[in-house]
Amino acid sequence: MNIPDEYISTAEDTADQVIRKLKHILPTVARLCLISTFLEDGLRMWFQWHEQRTYMDMQWGCGSFLATLFVLINLVGQLGGCVMVIIRYRVQIACGVLFFIVVLQTLAYSILWDLQFVFRNLALIGALLLVLAESRGEAKSLFAGVPSLGENKPKNYLQLTGRILLAFMFITLIRFEFSIMQIILDLLGSALMVLVTVGYKTKLSALILVLLLTTLNFYHNSWWRFPAHVPIRDFLKYDFFQTLSVIGGLLMIVYLGPGGVSMDEHKKKW
């Protein structure tokens, strides 16, 4: 074993110890982060009810009834879906409702041709797929008392698709600034995201990426520093909770592992 491999092995052992100590709270924290952007948006629909109705009416000229219906669907769908995910009640239905909200907002806010917003919504869908994967138990054996062979193809493909879609969010977080530190951060983050996507050294890569994104999120998107009437506050708040949802997705990957369709899994068979 050469020196770099030795360091990586030590880092993996440390990561495994951290994960074992946090295994009881990790899925709950991951789900809270995952649904945070839906929760924030649902509460915004509640507290800005009149403004949201007026905006949709002006945007589409759809009339008061349809504008009210749109806001109501978003409010009930997002808050209800978040509660169901947190308490693990009918998680598949909850994720279906939240998926519908993502598609509805993509169409309603006319952001289908804005690549940044589309990529972020794809990442949210990826995060929801990871919630679905976590809600699925291990594949059941055909015979009572006989352990399964580990085959759980739907869960494996949910994890694979979730990992791939999360990468879209990271693309929108890359800052094209010509400074040494920013270039290093972009290269490091991109390398880690590629490792997570292909499922190589997955838990370690995802855990480092969680620490990196959390630090950058609190640094760049500290929306609480601005008063409510300043427009930039809403933009930073949106970015903060969207990034937090991706962090939740990465935490879910840390908890679940990469799944069967990954380089880590294939390494075991070599």
Protein backbone atom coordinates (compact mmCIF):
# COMPACT_ATOMS: atom_id res chain seq x y z
CA MET A 1 0.00 0.00 0.00
CA ASN A 2 1.49 3.35 -1.04
CA ILE A 3 1.23 6.54 1.00
CA PRO A 4 -1.83 8.05 -0.79
CA ASP A 5 -3.75 4.76 -0.45
CA GLU A 6 -2.82 4.64 3.23
CA TYR A 7 -4.23 8.14 3.80
CA ILE A 8 -7.42 7.28 1.89
CA SER A 9 -7.84 4.07 3.89
CA THR A 10 -7.40 6.00 7.16
CA ALA A 11 -9.93 8.61 6.01
CA GLU A 12 -12.43 5.87 5.09
CA ASP A 13 -12.02 4.25 8.51
CA THR A 14 -12.60 7.61 10.20
CA ALA A 15 -15.67 8.26 8.05
CA ASP A 16 -17.07 4.81 8.90
CA GLN A 17 -16.63 5.51 12.62
CA VAL A 18 -18.45 8.85 12.29
CA ILE A 19 -21.27 7.23 10.32
CA ARG A 20 -21.67 4.43 12.88
CA LYS A 21 -21.91 6.94 15.73
CA LEU A 22 -24.52 9.00 13.88
CA LYS A 23 -26.47 6.13 12.29
CA HIS A 24 -29.52 6.65 14.53
CA ILE A 25 -29.98 10.34 13.67
CA LEU A 26 -28.44 10.45 10.19
CA PRO A 27 -31.56 9.44 8.20
CA THR A 28 -33.74 11.92 10.14
CA VAL A 29 -31.27 14.77 9.58
CA ALA A 30 -31.00 13.78 5.90
CA ARG A 31 -34.79 13.82 5.44
CA LEU A 32 -35.09 17.20 7.21
CA CYS A 33 -32.48 18.72 4.91
CA LEU A 34 -34.02 17.05 1.86
CA ILE A 35 -37.47 18.49 2.39
CA SER A 36 -36.25 21.90 3.65
CA THR A 37 -36.73 23.68 0.33
CA PHE A 38 -40.30 22.34 0.03
CA LEU A 39 -41.03 23.30 3.63
CA GLU A 40 -39.68 26.83 3.14
CA ASP A 41 -41.66 27.29 -0.07
CA GLY A 42 -44.85 25.94 1.50
CA LEU A 43 -44.52 28.37 4.41
CA ARG A 44 -43.86 31.19 1.95
CA MET A 45 -47.15 30.34 0.22
CA TRP A 46 -48.84 30.64 3.63
CA PHE A 47 -47.26 33.91 4.73
CA GLN A 48 -47.30 35.54 1.28
CA TRP A 49 -50.69 34.21 0.22
CA HIS A 50 -51.92 37.45 -1.35
CA GLU A 51 -48.62 38.26 -3.09
CA GLN A 52 -48.37 34.78 -4.61
CA ARG A 53 -51.96 34.88 -5.89
CA THR A 54 -51.43 38.31 -7.41
CA TYR A 55 -48.16 37.24 -9.05
CA MET A 56 -49.70 34.15 -10.68
CA ASP A 57 -52.72 36.12 -11.87
CA MET A 58 -50.46 38.76 -13.44
CA GLN A 59 -48.04 36.15 -14.86
CA TRP A 60 -50.66 34.04 -16.58
CA GLY A 61 -53.75 36.24 -16.62
CA CYS A 62 -55.60 33.17 -15.33
CA GLY A 63 -58.01 34.93 -13.00
CA SER A 64 -58.35 34.91 -9.25
CA PHE A 65 -59.80 31.40 -8.97
CA LEU A 66 -57.00 29.57 -10.80
CA ALA A 67 -54.32 31.70 -9.12
CA THR A 68 -55.78 30.82 -5.72
CA LEU A 69 -55.98 27.14 -6.68
CA PHE A 70 -52.32 27.14 -7.71
CA VAL A 71 -51.18 28.65 -4.41
CA LEU A 72 -53.43 26.28 -2.43
CA ILE A 73 -52.07 23.19 -4.22
CA ASN A 74 -48.51 24.34 -3.55
CA LEU A 75 -49.22 25.10 0.09
CA VAL A 76 -51.08 21.90 0.97
CA GLY A 77 -48.99 19.66 -1.28
CA GLN A 78 -45.63 20.85 0.02
CA LEU A 79 -46.44 21.11 3.72
CA GLY A 80 -48.44 17.87 3.69
CA GLY A 81 -45.76 16.04 1.73
CA CYS A 82 -43.03 17.27 4.09
CA VAL A 83 -44.93 16.08 7.18
CA MET A 84 -45.55 12.66 5.60
CA VAL A 85 -41.84 12.27 4.72
CA ILE A 86 -40.70 13.25 8.22
CA ILE A 87 -43.06 10.85 10.01
CA ARG A 88 -42.52 8.18 7.32
CA TYR A 89 -46.20 7.89 6.51
CA ARG A 90 -47.04 6.80 2.96
CA VAL A 91 -43.63 8.04 1.78
CA GLN A 92 -44.20 6.94 -1.82
CA ILE A 93 -47.37 9.03 -2.04
CA ALA A 94 -45.63 11.98 -0.35
CA CYS A 95 -42.74 11.84 -2.82
CA GLY A 96 -45.21 11.61 -5.70
CA VAL A 97 -46.97 14.77 -4.47
CA LEU A 98 -43.67 16.64 -4.08
CA PHE A 99 -42.57 15.45 -7.53
CA PHE A 100 -45.81 16.83 -8.96
CA ILE A 101 -45.12 20.17 -7.24
CA VAL A 102 -41.65 20.34 -8.82
CA VAL A 103 -43.09 19.75 -12.30
CA LEU A 104 -45.98 22.16 -11.70
CA GLN A 105 -43.68 24.97 -10.59
CA THR A 106 -41.30 24.34 -13.49
CA LEU A 107 -44.19 24.91 -15.90
CA ALA A 108 -46.03 27.61 -13.97
CA TYR A 109 -43.01 29.85 -13.40
CA SER A 110 -41.92 29.48 -17.04
CA ILE A 111 -38.45 28.26 -16.08
CA LEU A 112 -38.40 25.31 -18.47
CA TRP A 113 -35.81 27.06 -20.65
CA ASP A 114 -33.69 28.36 -17.78
CA LEU A 115 -31.03 25.66 -17.46
CA GLN A 116 -29.99 26.64 -13.93
CA PHE A 117 -33.51 26.26 -12.56
CA VAL A 118 -34.13 23.09 -14.56
CA PHE A 119 -30.91 21.54 -13.25
CA ARG A 120 -31.85 22.43 -9.70
CA ASN A 121 -35.30 20.93 -10.09
CA LEU A 122 -33.74 17.76 -11.51
CA ALA A 123 -31.54 17.62 -8.41
CA LEU A 124 -34.63 17.96 -6.20
CA ILE A 125 -36.18 15.02 -8.05
CA GLY A 126 -32.96 13.11 -7.41
CA ALA A 127 -33.21 13.92 -3.71
CA LEU A 128 -36.81 12.63 -3.67
CA LEU A 129 -35.67 9.39 -5.32
CA LEU A 130 -33.18 8.91 -2.49
CA VAL A 131 -36.00 9.38 0.02
CA LEU A 132 -37.91 6.67 -1.84
CA ALA A 133 -34.85 4.42 -1.78
CA GLU A 134 -34.47 4.90 1.97
CA SER A 135 -38.14 4.04 2.51
CA ARG A 136 -37.80 0.72 0.69
CA GLY A 137 -36.75 -2.23 2.85
CA GLU A 138 -34.24 -4.80 1.77
CA ALA A 139 -35.51 -7.27 -0.79
CA LYS A 140 -37.53 -9.99 0.92
CA SER A 141 -36.54 -13.60 0.57
CA LEU A 142 -38.93 -16.02 -1.10
CA PHE A 143 -38.61 -18.33 1.91
CA ALA A 144 -39.09 -17.38 5.54
CA GLY A 145 -35.88 -17.41 7.53
CA VAL A 146 -33.68 -17.57 4.42
CA PRO A 147 -31.61 -14.40 3.88
CA SER A 148 -31.94 -12.64 0.54
CA LEU A 149 -29.02 -12.48 -1.88
CA GLY A 150 -28.97 -8.67 -1.63
CA GLU A 151 -30.84 -8.15 -4.89
CA ASN A 152 -33.13 -5.16 -4.69
CA LYS A 153 -33.06 -3.77 -8.20
CA PRO A 154 -35.67 -1.01 -7.81
CA LYS A 155 -33.85 0.40 -4.78
CA ASN A 156 -30.48 0.13 -6.52
CA TYR A 157 -31.72 2.01 -9.56
CA LEU A 158 -33.39 4.64 -7.40
CA GLN A 159 -30.04 5.23 -5.70
CA LEU A 160 -28.19 5.38 -9.02
CA THR A 161 -30.66 7.84 -10.57
CA GLY A 162 -30.68 9.93 -7.39
CA ARG A 163 -26.86 10.16 -7.43
CA ILE A 164 -26.82 11.19 -11.09
CA LEU A 165 -29.52 13.85 -10.68
CA LEU A 166 -27.82 15.37 -7.62
CA ALA A 167 -24.84 16.12 -9.86
CA PHE A 168 -26.99 18.61 -11.81
CA MET A 169 -27.31 20.77 -8.70
CA PHE A 170 -23.57 20.86 -8.23
CA ILE A 171 -23.14 22.16 -11.79
CA THR A 172 -25.19 25.24 -10.84
CA LEU A 173 -23.03 25.82 -7.74
CA ILE A 174 -19.77 26.13 -9.67
CA ARG A 175 -18.57 29.75 -9.49
CA PHE A 176 -16.56 30.88 -12.50
CA GLU A 177 -14.34 33.26 -10.59
CA PHE A 178 -10.66 33.63 -11.45
CA SER A 179 -9.18 33.21 -8.01
CA ILE A 180 -6.89 30.40 -6.88
CA MET A 181 -9.11 29.45 -3.93
CA GLN A 182 -12.31 29.35 -6.01
CA ILE A 183 -10.66 27.28 -8.75
CA ILE A 184 -9.39 24.79 -6.13
CA LEU A 185 -12.86 24.57 -4.54
CA ASP A 186 -14.54 24.04 -7.92
CA LEU A 187 -12.06 21.33 -8.94
CA LEU A 188 -12.25 19.58 -5.56
CA GLY A 189 -16.04 19.70 -5.47
CA SER A 190 -16.34 18.52 -9.08
CA ALA A 191 -13.98 15.59 -8.46
CA LEU A 192 -15.92 14.55 -5.35
CA MET A 193 -19.25 14.84 -7.20
CA VAL A 194 -17.94 12.62 -10.02
CA LEU A 195 -16.87 10.01 -7.44
CA VAL A 196 -20.31 10.14 -5.80
CA THR A 197 -22.05 9.86 -9.18
CA VAL A 198 -20.13 6.77 -10.31
CA GLY A 199 -20.23 5.31 -6.79
CA TYR A 200 -16.51 5.11 -6.01
CA LYS A 201 -15.32 5.71 -2.44
CA THR A 202 -18.90 6.88 -2.17
CA LYS A 203 -19.47 7.39 1.55
CA LEU A 204 -16.15 9.19 2.08
CA SER A 205 -16.64 11.40 -1.01
CA ALA A 206 -20.22 12.26 -0.06
CA LEU A 207 -19.26 13.06 3.54
CA ILE A 208 -16.44 15.41 2.46
CA LEU A 209 -18.81 17.04 -0.03
CA VAL A 210 -21.40 17.54 2.75
CA LEU A 211 -18.80 19.37 4.86
CA LEU A 212 -17.65 21.47 1.88
CA LEU A 213 -21.15 22.42 0.68
CA THR A 214 -22.39 23.18 4.20
CA THR A 215 -19.48 25.56 4.80
CA LEU A 216 -19.91 27.30 1.44
CA ASN A 217 -23.69 27.46 1.84
CA PHE A 218 -23.50 29.31 5.17
CA TYR A 219 -20.76 31.57 3.79
CA HIS A 220 -22.27 32.53 0.42
CA ASN A 221 -26.01 32.29 1.17
CA SER A 222 -26.35 33.88 4.62
CA TRP A 223 -29.75 35.41 3.85
CA TRP A 224 -30.45 36.18 7.51
CA ARG A 225 -27.96 39.06 7.39
CA PHE A 226 -30.31 41.12 5.22
CA PRO A 227 -33.59 42.77 6.24
CA ALA A 228 -36.84 41.42 4.81
CA HIS A 229 -37.38 44.30 2.37
CA VAL A 230 -34.05 43.80 0.56
CA PRO A 231 -34.59 41.75 -2.67
CA ILE A 232 -31.29 39.86 -2.39
CA ARG A 233 -32.56 38.21 0.80
CA ASP A 234 -35.10 36.12 -1.16
CA PHE A 235 -32.51 35.06 -3.76
CA LEU A 236 -30.02 33.99 -1.08
CA LYS A 237 -32.77 32.23 0.88
CA TYR A 238 -33.79 30.27 -2.23
CA ASP A 239 -30.19 29.24 -2.90
CA PHE A 240 -29.63 28.33 0.76
CA PHE A 241 -32.55 25.92 1.02
CA GLN A 242 -31.99 24.42 -2.44
CA THR A 243 -28.38 23.67 -1.49
CA LEU A 244 -29.55 22.31 1.87
CA SER A 245 -31.79 19.84 0.05
CA VAL A 246 -28.81 18.58 -1.97
CA ILE A 247 -26.81 18.28 1.26
CA GLY A 248 -29.67 16.15 2.56
CA GLY A 249 -29.41 13.98 -0.54
CA LEU A 250 -25.69 13.52 0.06
CA LEU A 251 -26.34 12.66 3.71
CA MET A 252 -28.81 10.03 2.52
CA ILE A 253 -26.07 8.61 0.27
CA VAL A 254 -23.73 8.57 3.29
CA TYR A 255 -26.36 6.61 5.21
CA LEU A 256 -27.51 4.25 2.45
CA GLY A 257 -24.25 3.77 0.59
CA PRO A 258 -24.05 3.77 -3.21
CA GLY A 259 -26.33 0.79 -3.81
CA GLY A 260 -25.81 -2.19 -6.10
CA VAL A 261 -25.19 -0.21 -9.29
CA SER A 262 -21.85 1.36 -8.37
CA MET A 263 -18.11 0.87 -8.64
CA ASP A 264 -17.90 0.22 -4.89
CA GLU A 265 -20.31 -2.69 -5.21
CA HIS A 266 -18.53 -4.13 -8.24
CA LYS A 267 -15.18 -3.92 -6.42
CA LYS A 268 -16.52 -6.46 -3.91
CA LYS A 269 -17.05 -8.94 -6.75
CA TRP A 270 -13.60 -8.49 -8.27
